[in-house]
């Protein structure tokens, strides 16, 4: 959630490790999951 904006989905991953990304982060962010730990790697960050 950015200032003055609504909360939006960035990336999700299901129990089969299938990931989905928003268009705005596609190709830059990587979501991974190991059981009950989910990690988001963010590359080429923009303001």
ModelCIF file with pLDDT and N, C-alpha, C, O atoms, coordinates in Angstrom:
data_MODEL
#
_entry.id   MODEL 
#
_entity.id                         1 
_entity.type                       polymer 
_entity.pdbx_number_of_molecules   1 
#
_entity_poly.entity_id                      1 
_entity_poly.type                           'polypeptide(L)' 
_entity_poly.nstd_linkage                   no 
_entity_poly.nstd_monomer                   no 
_entity_poly.pdbx_seq_one_letter_code       
;(UNK)(UNK)(UNK)(UNK)(UNK)(UNK)(UNK)(UNK)(UNK)(UNK)(UNK)(UNK)(UNK)(UNK)(UNK)(UNK)
(UNK)(UNK)(UNK)(UNK)(UNK)(UNK)(UNK)(UNK)(UNK)(UNK)(UNK)(UNK)(UNK)(UNK)(UNK)(UNK)
(UNK)(UNK)(UNK)(UNK)(UNK)(UNK)(UNK)(UNK)(UNK)(UNK)(UNK)(UNK)(UNK)(UNK)(UNK)
;
_entity_poly.pdbx_seq_one_letter_code_can   XXXXXXXXXXXXXXXXXXXXXXXXXXXXXXXXXXXXXXXXXXXXXXX 
_entity_poly.pdbx_strand_id                 A 
#
loop_
_entity_poly_seq.entity_id 
_entity_poly_seq.num 
_entity_poly_seq.mon_id 
_entity_poly_seq.hetero 
1 1  UNK n 
1 2  UNK n 
1 3  UNK n 
1 4  UNK n 
1 5  UNK n 
1 6  UNK n 
1 7  UNK n 
1 8  UNK n 
1 9  UNK n 
1 10 UNK n 
1 11 UNK n 
1 12 UNK n 
1 13 UNK n 
1 14 UNK n 
1 15 UNK n 
1 16 UNK n 
1 17 UNK n 
1 18 UNK n 
1 19 UNK n 
1 20 UNK n 
1 21 UNK n 
1 22 UNK n 
1 23 UNK n 
1 24 UNK n 
1 25 UNK n 
1 26 UNK n 
1 27 UNK n 
1 28 UNK n 
1 29 UNK n 
1 30 UNK n 
1 31 UNK n 
1 32 UNK n 
1 33 UNK n 
1 34 UNK n 
1 35 UNK n 
1 36 UNK n 
1 37 UNK n 
1 38 UNK n 
1 39 UNK n 
1 40 UNK n 
1 41 UNK n 
1 42 UNK n 
1 43 UNK n 
1 44 UNK n 
1 45 UNK n 
1 46 UNK n 
1 47 UNK n 
#
_struct_asym.id          A 
_struct_asym.entity_id   1 
#
loop_
_ma_qa_metric.id 
_ma_qa_metric.mode 
_ma_qa_metric.name 
_ma_qa_metric.software_group_id 
_ma_qa_metric.type 
1 global pLDDT . pLDDT 
2 local  pLDDT . pLDDT 
#
_ma_qa_metric_global.metric_id      1 
_ma_qa_metric_global.metric_value   96.43 
_ma_qa_metric_global.model_id       1 
_ma_qa_metric_global.ordinal_id     1 
#
loop_
_ma_qa_metric_local.label_asym_id 
_ma_qa_metric_local.label_comp_id 
_ma_qa_metric_local.label_seq_id 
_ma_qa_metric_local.metric_id 
_ma_qa_metric_local.metric_value 
_ma_qa_metric_local.model_id 
_ma_qa_metric_local.ordinal_id 
A UNK 1  2 98.00 1 1  
A UNK 2  2 96.00 1 2  
A UNK 3  2 91.00 1 3  
A UNK 4  2 93.00 1 4  
A UNK 5  2 96.00 1 5  
A UNK 6  2 97.00 1 6  
A UNK 7  2 97.00 1 7  
A UNK 8  2 98.00 1 8  
A UNK 9  2 98.00 1 9  
A UNK 10 2 98.00 1 10 
A UNK 11 2 98.00 1 11 
A UNK 12 2 98.00 1 12 
A UNK 13 2 97.00 1 13 
A UNK 14 2 94.00 1 14 
A UNK 15 2 91.00 1 15 
A UNK 16 2 92.00 1 16 
A UNK 17 2 91.00 1 17 
A UNK 18 2 96.00 1 18 
A UNK 19 2 97.00 1 19 
A UNK 20 2 97.00 1 20 
A UNK 21 2 98.00 1 21 
A UNK 22 2 98.00 1 22 
A UNK 23 2 97.00 1 23 
A UNK 24 2 97.00 1 24 
A UNK 25 2 98.00 1 25 
A UNK 26 2 97.00 1 26 
A UNK 27 2 97.00 1 27 
A UNK 28 2 98.00 1 28 
A UNK 29 2 98.00 1 29 
A UNK 30 2 98.00 1 30 
A UNK 31 2 98.00 1 31 
A UNK 32 2 96.00 1 32 
A UNK 33 2 96.00 1 33 
A UNK 34 2 93.00 1 34 
A UNK 35 2 91.00 1 35 
A UNK 36 2 94.00 1 36 
A UNK 37 2 97.00 1 37 
A UNK 38 2 97.00 1 38 
A UNK 39 2 98.00 1 39 
A UNK 40 2 98.00 1 40 
A UNK 41 2 98.00 1 41 
A UNK 42 2 98.00 1 42 
A UNK 43 2 98.00 1 43 
A UNK 44 2 98.00 1 44 
A UNK 45 2 98.00 1 45 
A UNK 46 2 98.00 1 46 
A UNK 47 2 97.00 1 47 
#
loop_
_atom_site.group_PDB 
_atom_site.id 
_atom_site.type_symbol 
_atom_site.label_atom_id 
_atom_site.label_alt_id 
_atom_site.label_comp_id 
_atom_site.label_asym_id 
_atom_site.label_entity_id 
_atom_site.label_seq_id 
_atom_site.pdbx_PDB_ins_code 
_atom_site.Cartn_x 
_atom_site.Cartn_y 
_atom_site.Cartn_z 
_atom_site.occupancy 
_atom_site.B_iso_or_equiv 
_atom_site.pdbx_formal_charge 
_atom_site.auth_seq_id 
_atom_site.auth_comp_id 
_atom_site.auth_asym_id 
_atom_site.auth_atom_id 
_atom_site.pdbx_PDB_model_num 
ATOM 1   N N  . UNK A 1 1  ? 0.860  -1.188  0.000   1.00 98.00 ? 1  UNK A N  1 
ATOM 2   C CA . UNK A 1 1  ? 0.000  0.000   0.000   1.00 98.00 ? 1  UNK A CA 1 
ATOM 3   C C  . UNK A 1 1  ? 0.887  1.225   0.000   1.00 98.00 ? 1  UNK A C  1 
ATOM 4   O O  . UNK A 1 1  ? 1.623  1.487   0.952   1.00 98.00 ? 1  UNK A O  1 
ATOM 5   N N  . UNK A 1 2  ? 0.803  1.961   -1.078  1.00 96.00 ? 2  UNK A N  1 
ATOM 6   C CA . UNK A 1 2  ? 1.548  3.204   -1.197  1.00 96.00 ? 2  UNK A CA 1 
ATOM 7   C C  . UNK A 1 2  ? 0.720  4.343   -0.606  1.00 96.00 ? 2  UNK A C  1 
ATOM 8   O O  . UNK A 1 2  ? -0.501 4.224   -0.496  1.00 96.00 ? 2  UNK A O  1 
ATOM 9   N N  . UNK A 1 3  ? 1.360  5.428   -0.230  1.00 91.00 ? 3  UNK A N  1 
ATOM 10  C CA . UNK A 1 3  ? 0.623  6.552   0.348   1.00 91.00 ? 3  UNK A CA 1 
ATOM 11  C C  . UNK A 1 3  ? -0.484 7.027   -0.581  1.00 91.00 ? 3  UNK A C  1 
ATOM 12  O O  . UNK A 1 3  ? -0.255 7.284   -1.763  1.00 91.00 ? 3  UNK A O  1 
ATOM 13  N N  . UNK A 1 4  ? -1.679 7.138   -0.034  1.00 93.00 ? 4  UNK A N  1 
ATOM 14  C CA . UNK A 1 4  ? -2.813 7.630   -0.802  1.00 93.00 ? 4  UNK A CA 1 
ATOM 15  C C  . UNK A 1 4  ? -3.414 6.643   -1.785  1.00 93.00 ? 4  UNK A C  1 
ATOM 16  O O  . UNK A 1 4  ? -4.293 7.001   -2.569  1.00 93.00 ? 4  UNK A O  1 
ATOM 17  N N  . UNK A 1 5  ? -2.945 5.399   -1.748  1.00 96.00 ? 5  UNK A N  1 
ATOM 18  C CA . UNK A 1 5  ? -3.450 4.399   -2.680  1.00 96.00 ? 5  UNK A CA 1 
ATOM 19  C C  . UNK A 1 5  ? -4.023 3.205   -1.938  1.00 96.00 ? 5  UNK A C  1 
ATOM 20  O O  . UNK A 1 5  ? -3.779 3.021   -0.745  1.00 96.00 ? 5  UNK A O  1 
ATOM 21  N N  . UNK A 1 6  ? -4.787 2.397   -2.658  1.00 97.00 ? 6  UNK A N  1 
ATOM 22  C CA . UNK A 1 6  ? -5.347 1.197   -2.061  1.00 97.00 ? 6  UNK A CA 1 
ATOM 23  C C  . UNK A 1 6  ? -4.294 0.090   -2.001  1.00 97.00 ? 6  UNK A C  1 
ATOM 24  O O  . UNK A 1 6  ? -3.319 0.091   -2.753  1.00 97.00 ? 6  UNK A O  1 
ATOM 25  N N  . UNK A 1 7  ? -4.517 -0.836  -1.098  1.00 97.00 ? 7  UNK A N  1 
ATOM 26  C CA . UNK A 1 7  ? -3.635 -1.986  -1.004  1.00 97.00 ? 7  UNK A CA 1 
ATOM 27  C C  . UNK A 1 7  ? -3.790 -2.836  -2.275  1.00 97.00 ? 7  UNK A C  1 
ATOM 28  O O  . UNK A 1 7  ? -4.900 -3.059  -2.758  1.00 97.00 ? 7  UNK A O  1 
ATOM 29  N N  . UNK A 1 8  ? -2.663 -3.300  -2.795  1.00 98.00 ? 8  UNK A N  1 
ATOM 30  C CA . UNK A 1 8  ? -2.691 -4.089  -4.017  1.00 98.00 ? 8  UNK A CA 1 
ATOM 31  C C  . UNK A 1 8  ? -1.847 -5.354  -3.872  1.00 98.00 ? 8  UNK A C  1 
ATOM 32  O O  . UNK A 1 8  ? -0.901 -5.404  -3.086  1.00 98.00 ? 8  UNK A O  1 
ATOM 33  N N  . UNK A 1 9  ? -2.208 -6.355  -4.636  1.00 98.00 ? 9  UNK A N  1 
ATOM 34  C CA . UNK A 1 9  ? -1.448 -7.591  -4.636  1.00 98.00 ? 9  UNK A CA 1 
ATOM 35  C C  . UNK A 1 9  ? -0.130 -7.385  -5.375  1.00 98.00 ? 9  UNK A C  1 
ATOM 36  O O  . UNK A 1 9  ? -0.086 -6.729  -6.416  1.00 98.00 ? 9  UNK A O  1 
ATOM 37  N N  . UNK A 1 10 ? 0.927  -7.945  -4.832  1.00 98.00 ? 10 UNK A N  1 
ATOM 38  C CA . UNK A 1 10 ? 2.243  -7.887  -5.471  1.00 98.00 ? 10 UNK A CA 1 
ATOM 39  C C  . UNK A 1 10 ? 2.605  -9.256  -6.044  1.00 98.00 ? 10 UNK A C  1 
ATOM 40  O O  . UNK A 1 10 ? 2.886  -9.391  -7.235  1.00 98.00 ? 10 UNK A O  1 
ATOM 41  N N  . UNK A 1 11 ? 2.593  -10.255 -5.185  1.00 98.00 ? 11 UNK A N  1 
ATOM 42  C CA . UNK A 1 11 ? 2.949  -11.608 -5.610  1.00 98.00 ? 11 UNK A CA 1 
ATOM 43  C C  . UNK A 1 11 ? 2.372  -12.602 -4.625  1.00 98.00 ? 11 UNK A C  1 
ATOM 44  O O  . UNK A 1 11 ? 2.370  -12.365 -3.417  1.00 98.00 ? 11 UNK A O  1 
ATOM 45  N N  . UNK A 1 12 ? 1.879  -13.723 -5.149  1.00 98.00 ? 12 UNK A N  1 
ATOM 46  C CA . UNK A 1 12 ? 1.358  -14.779 -4.298  1.00 98.00 ? 12 UNK A CA 1 
ATOM 47  C C  . UNK A 1 12 ? 1.917  -16.116 -4.758  1.00 98.00 ? 12 UNK A C  1 
ATOM 48  O O  . UNK A 1 12 ? 2.313  -16.283 -5.912  1.00 98.00 ? 12 UNK A O  1 
ATOM 49  N N  . UNK A 1 13 ? 1.940  -17.055 -3.834  1.00 97.00 ? 13 UNK A N  1 
ATOM 50  C CA . UNK A 1 13 ? 2.419  -18.391 -4.165  1.00 97.00 ? 13 UNK A CA 1 
ATOM 51  C C  . UNK A 1 13 ? 1.574  -19.396 -3.400  1.00 97.00 ? 13 UNK A C  1 
ATOM 52  O O  . UNK A 1 13 ? 1.330  -19.236 -2.204  1.00 97.00 ? 13 UNK A O  1 
ATOM 53  N N  . UNK A 1 14 ? 1.130  -20.428 -4.098  1.00 94.00 ? 14 UNK A N  1 
ATOM 54  C CA . UNK A 1 14 ? 0.243  -21.394 -3.448  1.00 94.00 ? 14 UNK A CA 1 
ATOM 55  C C  . UNK A 1 14 ? 1.042  -22.565 -2.883  1.00 94.00 ? 14 UNK A C  1 
ATOM 56  O O  . UNK A 1 14 ? 2.273  -22.556 -2.914  1.00 94.00 ? 14 UNK A O  1 
ATOM 57  N N  . UNK A 1 15 ? 0.350  -23.554 -2.377  1.00 91.00 ? 15 UNK A N  1 
ATOM 58  C CA . UNK A 1 15 ? 1.009  -24.681 -1.723  1.00 91.00 ? 15 UNK A CA 1 
ATOM 59  C C  . UNK A 1 15 ? 1.728  -25.589 -2.716  1.00 91.00 ? 15 UNK A C  1 
ATOM 60  O O  . UNK A 1 15 ? 2.492  -26.467 -2.316  1.00 91.00 ? 15 UNK A O  1 
ATOM 61  N N  . UNK A 1 16 ? 1.487  -25.380 -4.009  1.00 92.00 ? 16 UNK A N  1 
ATOM 62  C CA . UNK A 1 16 ? 2.199  -26.120 -5.052  1.00 92.00 ? 16 UNK A CA 1 
ATOM 63  C C  . UNK A 1 16 ? 3.351  -25.302 -5.627  1.00 92.00 ? 16 UNK A C  1 
ATOM 64  O O  . UNK A 1 16 ? 3.975  -25.689 -6.615  1.00 92.00 ? 16 UNK A O  1 
ATOM 65  N N  . UNK A 1 17 ? 3.619  -24.165 -4.988  1.00 91.00 ? 17 UNK A N  1 
ATOM 66  C CA . UNK A 1 17 ? 4.676  -23.252 -5.415  1.00 91.00 ? 17 UNK A CA 1 
ATOM 67  C C  . UNK A 1 17 ? 4.409  -22.598 -6.758  1.00 91.00 ? 17 UNK A C  1 
ATOM 68  O O  . UNK A 1 17 ? 5.338  -22.195 -7.458  1.00 91.00 ? 17 UNK A O  1 
ATOM 69  N N  . UNK A 1 18 ? 3.153  -22.497 -7.111  1.00 96.00 ? 18 UNK A N  1 
ATOM 70  C CA . UNK A 1 18 ? 2.778  -21.746 -8.311  1.00 96.00 ? 18 UNK A CA 1 
ATOM 71  C C  . UNK A 1 18 ? 2.662  -20.278 -7.932  1.00 96.00 ? 18 UNK A C  1 
ATOM 72  O O  . UNK A 1 18 ? 1.900  -19.922 -7.033  1.00 96.00 ? 18 UNK A O  1 
ATOM 73  N N  . UNK A 1 19 ? 3.410  -19.434 -8.610  1.00 97.00 ? 19 UNK A N  1 
ATOM 74  C CA . UNK A 1 19 ? 3.476  -18.017 -8.264  1.00 97.00 ? 19 UNK A CA 1 
ATOM 75  C C  . UNK A 1 19 ? 2.708  -17.167 -9.270  1.00 97.00 ? 19 UNK A C  1 
ATOM 76  O O  . UNK A 1 19 ? 2.604  -17.499 -10.450 1.00 97.00 ? 19 UNK A O  1 
ATOM 77  N N  . UNK A 1 20 ? 2.178  -16.067 -8.763  1.00 97.00 ? 20 UNK A N  1 
ATOM 78  C CA . UNK A 1 20 ? 1.512  -15.076 -9.610  1.00 97.00 ? 20 UNK A CA 1 
ATOM 79  C C  . UNK A 1 20 ? 2.029  -13.707 -9.211  1.00 97.00 ? 20 UNK A C  1 
ATOM 80  O O  . UNK A 1 20 ? 2.296  -13.437 -8.040  1.00 97.00 ? 20 UNK A O  1 
ATOM 81  N N  . UNK A 1 21 ? 2.162  -12.847 -10.215 1.00 98.00 ? 21 UNK A N  1 
ATOM 82  C CA . UNK A 1 21 ? 2.721  -11.521 -9.994  1.00 98.00 ? 21 UNK A CA 1 
ATOM 83  C C  . UNK A 1 21 ? 1.829  -10.450 -10.591 1.00 98.00 ? 21 UNK A C  1 
ATOM 84  O O  . UNK A 1 21 ? 1.122  -10.682 -11.571 1.00 98.00 ? 21 UNK A O  1 
ATOM 85  N N  . UNK A 1 22 ? 1.873  -9.291  -9.994  1.00 98.00 ? 22 UNK A N  1 
ATOM 86  C CA . UNK A 1 22 ? 1.197  -8.158  -10.612 1.00 98.00 ? 22 UNK A CA 1 
ATOM 87  C C  . UNK A 1 22 ? 2.024  -7.706  -11.813 1.00 98.00 ? 22 UNK A C  1 
ATOM 88  O O  . UNK A 1 22 ? 3.231  -7.941  -11.873 1.00 98.00 ? 22 UNK A O  1 
ATOM 89  N N  . UNK A 1 23 ? 1.373  -7.066  -12.751 1.00 97.00 ? 23 UNK A N  1 
ATOM 90  C CA . UNK A 1 23 ? 2.066  -6.588  -13.947 1.00 97.00 ? 23 UNK A CA 1 
ATOM 91  C C  . UNK A 1 23 ? 3.193  -5.617  -13.592 1.00 97.00 ? 23 UNK A C  1 
ATOM 92  O O  . UNK A 1 23 ? 4.220  -5.569  -14.268 1.00 97.00 ? 23 UNK A O  1 
ATOM 93  N N  . UNK A 1 24 ? 2.991  -4.860  -12.541 1.00 97.00 ? 24 UNK A N  1 
ATOM 94  C CA . UNK A 1 24 ? 3.953  -3.813  -12.197 1.00 97.00 ? 24 UNK A CA 1 
ATOM 95  C C  . UNK A 1 24 ? 5.282  -4.369  -11.683 1.00 97.00 ? 24 UNK A C  1 
ATOM 96  O O  . UNK A 1 24 ? 6.293  -3.667  -11.712 1.00 97.00 ? 24 UNK A O  1 
ATOM 97  N N  . UNK A 1 25 ? 5.295  -5.618  -11.214 1.00 98.00 ? 25 UNK A N  1 
ATOM 98  C CA . UNK A 1 25 ? 6.538  -6.190  -10.676 1.00 98.00 ? 25 UNK A CA 1 
ATOM 99  C C  . UNK A 1 25 ? 7.034  -7.376  -11.490 1.00 98.00 ? 25 UNK A C  1 
ATOM 100 O O  . UNK A 1 25 ? 8.097  -7.930  -11.213 1.00 98.00 ? 25 UNK A O  1 
ATOM 101 N N  . UNK A 1 26 ? 6.258  -7.759  -12.495 1.00 97.00 ? 26 UNK A N  1 
ATOM 102 C CA . UNK A 1 26 ? 6.629  -8.928  -13.319 1.00 97.00 ? 26 UNK A CA 1 
ATOM 103 C C  . UNK A 1 26 ? 8.030  -8.750  -13.889 1.00 97.00 ? 26 UNK A C  1 
ATOM 104 O O  . UNK A 1 26 ? 8.356  -7.713  -14.466 1.00 97.00 ? 26 UNK A O  1 
ATOM 105 N N  . UNK A 1 27 ? 8.847  -9.775  -13.718 1.00 97.00 ? 27 UNK A N  1 
ATOM 106 C CA . UNK A 1 27 ? 10.202 -9.739  -14.247 1.00 97.00 ? 27 UNK A CA 1 
ATOM 107 C C  . UNK A 1 27 ? 11.215 -9.084  -13.319 1.00 97.00 ? 27 UNK A C  1 
ATOM 108 O O  . UNK A 1 27 ? 12.421 -9.161  -13.556 1.00 97.00 ? 27 UNK A O  1 
ATOM 109 N N  . UNK A 1 28 ? 10.727 -8.441  -12.264 1.00 98.00 ? 28 UNK A N  1 
ATOM 110 C CA . UNK A 1 28 ? 11.647 -7.769  -11.325 1.00 98.00 ? 28 UNK A CA 1 
ATOM 111 C C  . UNK A 1 28 ? 11.638 -8.410  -9.941  1.00 98.00 ? 28 UNK A C  1 
ATOM 112 O O  . UNK A 1 28 ? 12.665 -8.463  -9.266  1.00 98.00 ? 28 UNK A O  1 
ATOM 113 N N  . UNK A 1 29 ? 10.482 -8.892  -9.529  1.00 98.00 ? 29 UNK A N  1 
ATOM 114 C CA . UNK A 1 29 ? 10.341 -9.495  -8.206  1.00 98.00 ? 29 UNK A CA 1 
ATOM 115 C C  . UNK A 1 29 ? 10.216 -11.003 -8.343  1.00 98.00 ? 29 UNK A C  1 
ATOM 116 O O  . UNK A 1 29 ? 9.671  -11.514 -9.321  1.00 98.00 ? 29 UNK A O  1 
ATOM 117 N N  . UNK A 1 30 ? 10.732 -11.701 -7.343  1.00 98.00 ? 30 UNK A N  1 
ATOM 118 C CA . UNK A 1 30 ? 10.617 -13.151 -7.304  1.00 98.00 ? 30 UNK A CA 1 
ATOM 119 C C  . UNK A 1 30 ? 10.104 -13.565 -5.935  1.00 98.00 ? 30 UNK A C  1 
ATOM 120 O O  . UNK A 1 30 ? 10.698 -13.235 -4.908  1.00 98.00 ? 30 UNK A O  1 
ATOM 121 N N  . UNK A 1 31 ? 8.996  -14.290 -5.934  1.00 98.00 ? 31 UNK A N  1 
ATOM 122 C CA . UNK A 1 31 ? 8.435  -14.786 -4.675  1.00 98.00 ? 31 UNK A CA 1 
ATOM 123 C C  . UNK A 1 31 ? 8.753  -16.272 -4.561  1.00 98.00 ? 31 UNK A C  1 
ATOM 124 O O  . UNK A 1 31 ? 8.671  -17.017 -5.538  1.00 98.00 ? 31 UNK A O  1 
ATOM 125 N N  . UNK A 1 32 ? 9.112  -16.681 -3.371  1.00 96.00 ? 32 UNK A N  1 
ATOM 126 C CA . UNK A 1 32 ? 9.396  -18.092 -3.130  1.00 96.00 ? 32 UNK A CA 1 
ATOM 127 C C  . UNK A 1 32 ? 8.817  -18.491 -1.789  1.00 96.00 ? 32 UNK A C  1 
ATOM 128 O O  . UNK A 1 32 ? 8.596  -17.666 -0.902  1.00 96.00 ? 32 UNK A O  1 
ATOM 129 N N  . UNK A 1 33 ? 8.581  -19.782 -1.674  1.00 96.00 ? 33 UNK A N  1 
ATOM 130 C CA . UNK A 1 33 ? 7.943  -20.280 -0.454  1.00 96.00 ? 33 UNK A CA 1 
ATOM 131 C C  . UNK A 1 33 ? 8.555  -21.609 -0.055  1.00 96.00 ? 33 UNK A C  1 
ATOM 132 O O  . UNK A 1 33 ? 8.785  -22.484 -0.889  1.00 96.00 ? 33 UNK A O  1 
ATOM 133 N N  . UNK A 1 34 ? 8.809  -21.739 1.218   1.00 93.00 ? 34 UNK A N  1 
ATOM 134 C CA . UNK A 1 34 ? 9.285  -22.989 1.793   1.00 93.00 ? 34 UNK A CA 1 
ATOM 135 C C  . UNK A 1 34 ? 8.425  -23.259 3.011   1.00 93.00 ? 34 UNK A C  1 
ATOM 136 O O  . UNK A 1 34 ? 8.652  -22.700 4.084   1.00 93.00 ? 34 UNK A O  1 
ATOM 137 N N  . UNK A 1 35 ? 7.447  -24.113 2.836   1.00 91.00 ? 35 UNK A N  1 
ATOM 138 C CA . UNK A 1 35 ? 6.477  -24.439 3.892   1.00 91.00 ? 35 UNK A CA 1 
ATOM 139 C C  . UNK A 1 35 ? 5.784  -23.146 4.350   1.00 91.00 ? 35 UNK A C  1 
ATOM 140 O O  . UNK A 1 35 ? 4.983  -22.574 3.611   1.00 91.00 ? 35 UNK A O  1 
ATOM 141 N N  . UNK A 1 36 ? 6.089  -22.699 5.541   1.00 94.00 ? 36 UNK A N  1 
ATOM 142 C CA . UNK A 1 36 ? 5.387  -21.542 6.079   1.00 94.00 ? 36 UNK A CA 1 
ATOM 143 C C  . UNK A 1 36 ? 6.224  -20.267 6.034   1.00 94.00 ? 36 UNK A C  1 
ATOM 144 O O  . UNK A 1 36 ? 5.964  -19.319 6.774   1.00 94.00 ? 36 UNK A O  1 
ATOM 145 N N  . UNK A 1 37 ? 7.221  -20.253 5.167   1.00 97.00 ? 37 UNK A N  1 
ATOM 146 C CA . UNK A 1 37 ? 8.039  -19.067 5.000   1.00 97.00 ? 37 UNK A CA 1 
ATOM 147 C C  . UNK A 1 37 ? 7.907  -18.599 3.553   1.00 97.00 ? 37 UNK A C  1 
ATOM 148 O O  . UNK A 1 37 ? 8.109  -19.366 2.612   1.00 97.00 ? 37 UNK A O  1 
ATOM 149 N N  . UNK A 1 38 ? 7.567  -17.337 3.402   1.00 97.00 ? 38 UNK A N  1 
ATOM 150 C CA . UNK A 1 38 ? 7.481  -16.769 2.055   1.00 97.00 ? 38 UNK A CA 1 
ATOM 151 C C  . UNK A 1 38 ? 8.431  -15.585 1.967   1.00 97.00 ? 38 UNK A C  1 
ATOM 152 O O  . UNK A 1 38 ? 8.471  -14.725 2.847   1.00 97.00 ? 38 UNK A O  1 
ATOM 153 N N  . UNK A 1 39 ? 9.188  -15.566 0.887   1.00 98.00 ? 39 UNK A N  1 
ATOM 154 C CA . UNK A 1 39 ? 10.218 -14.549 0.701   1.00 98.00 ? 39 UNK A CA 1 
ATOM 155 C C  . UNK A 1 39 ? 9.984  -13.818 -0.616  1.00 98.00 ? 39 UNK A C  1 
ATOM 156 O O  . UNK A 1 39 ? 9.589  -14.421 -1.614  1.00 98.00 ? 39 UNK A O  1 
ATOM 157 N N  . UNK A 1 40 ? 10.231 -12.530 -0.603  1.00 98.00 ? 40 UNK A N  1 
ATOM 158 C CA . UNK A 1 40 ? 10.104 -11.726 -1.815  1.00 98.00 ? 40 UNK A CA 1 
ATOM 159 C C  . UNK A 1 40 ? 11.447 -11.087 -2.107  1.00 98.00 ? 40 UNK A C  1 
ATOM 160 O O  . UNK A 1 40 ? 11.957 -10.294 -1.316  1.00 98.00 ? 40 UNK A O  1 
ATOM 161 N N  . UNK A 1 41 ? 12.004 -11.432 -3.233  1.00 98.00 ? 41 UNK A N  1 
ATOM 162 C CA . UNK A 1 41 ? 13.245 -10.832 -3.688  1.00 98.00 ? 41 UNK A CA 1 
ATOM 163 C C  . UNK A 1 41 ? 12.877 -9.736  -4.683  1.00 98.00 ? 41 UNK A C  1 
ATOM 164 O O  . UNK A 1 41 ? 12.200 -9.996  -5.677  1.00 98.00 ? 41 UNK A O  1 
ATOM 165 N N  . UNK A 1 42 ? 13.319 -8.526  -4.417  1.00 98.00 ? 42 UNK A N  1 
ATOM 166 C CA . UNK A 1 42 ? 12.946 -7.370  -5.231  1.00 98.00 ? 42 UNK A CA 1 
ATOM 167 C C  . UNK A 1 42 ? 14.178 -6.842  -5.950  1.00 98.00 ? 42 UNK A C  1 
ATOM 168 O O  . UNK A 1 42 ? 15.161 -6.463  -5.313  1.00 98.00 ? 42 UNK A O  1 
ATOM 169 N N  . UNK A 1 43 ? 14.124 -6.816  -7.257  1.00 98.00 ? 43 UNK A N  1 
ATOM 170 C CA . UNK A 1 43 ? 15.233 -6.338  -8.074  1.00 98.00 ? 43 UNK A CA 1 
ATOM 171 C C  . UNK A 1 43 ? 14.794 -5.121  -8.883  1.00 98.00 ? 43 UNK A C  1 
ATOM 172 O O  . UNK A 1 43 ? 13.603 -4.877  -9.074  1.00 98.00 ? 43 UNK A O  1 
ATOM 173 N N  . UNK A 1 44 ? 15.773 -4.374  -9.346  1.00 98.00 ? 44 UNK A N  1 
ATOM 174 C CA . UNK A 1 44 ? 15.509 -3.204  -10.195 1.00 98.00 ? 44 UNK A CA 1 
ATOM 175 C C  . UNK A 1 44 ? 14.430 -2.318  -9.584  1.00 98.00 ? 44 UNK A C  1 
ATOM 176 O O  . UNK A 1 44 ? 13.479 -1.921  -10.258 1.00 98.00 ? 44 UNK A O  1 
ATOM 177 N N  . UNK A 1 45 ? 14.590 -2.022  -8.323  1.00 98.00 ? 45 UNK A N  1 
ATOM 178 C CA . UNK A 1 45 ? 13.564 -1.264  -7.612  1.00 98.00 ? 45 UNK A CA 1 
ATOM 179 C C  . UNK A 1 45 ? 13.421 0.151   -8.172  1.00 98.00 ? 45 UNK A C  1 
ATOM 180 O O  . UNK A 1 45 ? 14.389 0.792   -8.581  1.00 98.00 ? 45 UNK A O  1 
ATOM 181 N N  . UNK A 1 46 ? 12.178 0.602   -8.170  1.00 98.00 ? 46 UNK A N  1 
ATOM 182 C CA . UNK A 1 46 ? 11.823 1.916   -8.681  1.00 98.00 ? 46 UNK A CA 1 
ATOM 183 C C  . UNK A 1 46 ? 11.204 2.740   -7.555  1.00 98.00 ? 46 UNK A C  1 
ATOM 184 O O  . UNK A 1 46 ? 10.685 2.175   -6.592  1.00 98.00 ? 46 UNK A O  1 
ATOM 185 N N  . UNK A 1 47 ? 11.250 4.057   -7.661  1.00 97.00 ? 47 UNK A N  1 
ATOM 186 C CA . UNK A 1 47 ? 10.601 4.882   -6.634  1.00 97.00 ? 47 UNK A CA 1 
ATOM 187 C C  . UNK A 1 47 ? 9.122  4.526   -6.444  1.00 97.00 ? 47 UNK A C  1 
ATOM 188 O O  . UNK A 1 47 ? 8.442  5.133   -5.616  1.00 97.00 ? 47 UNK A O  1 
#
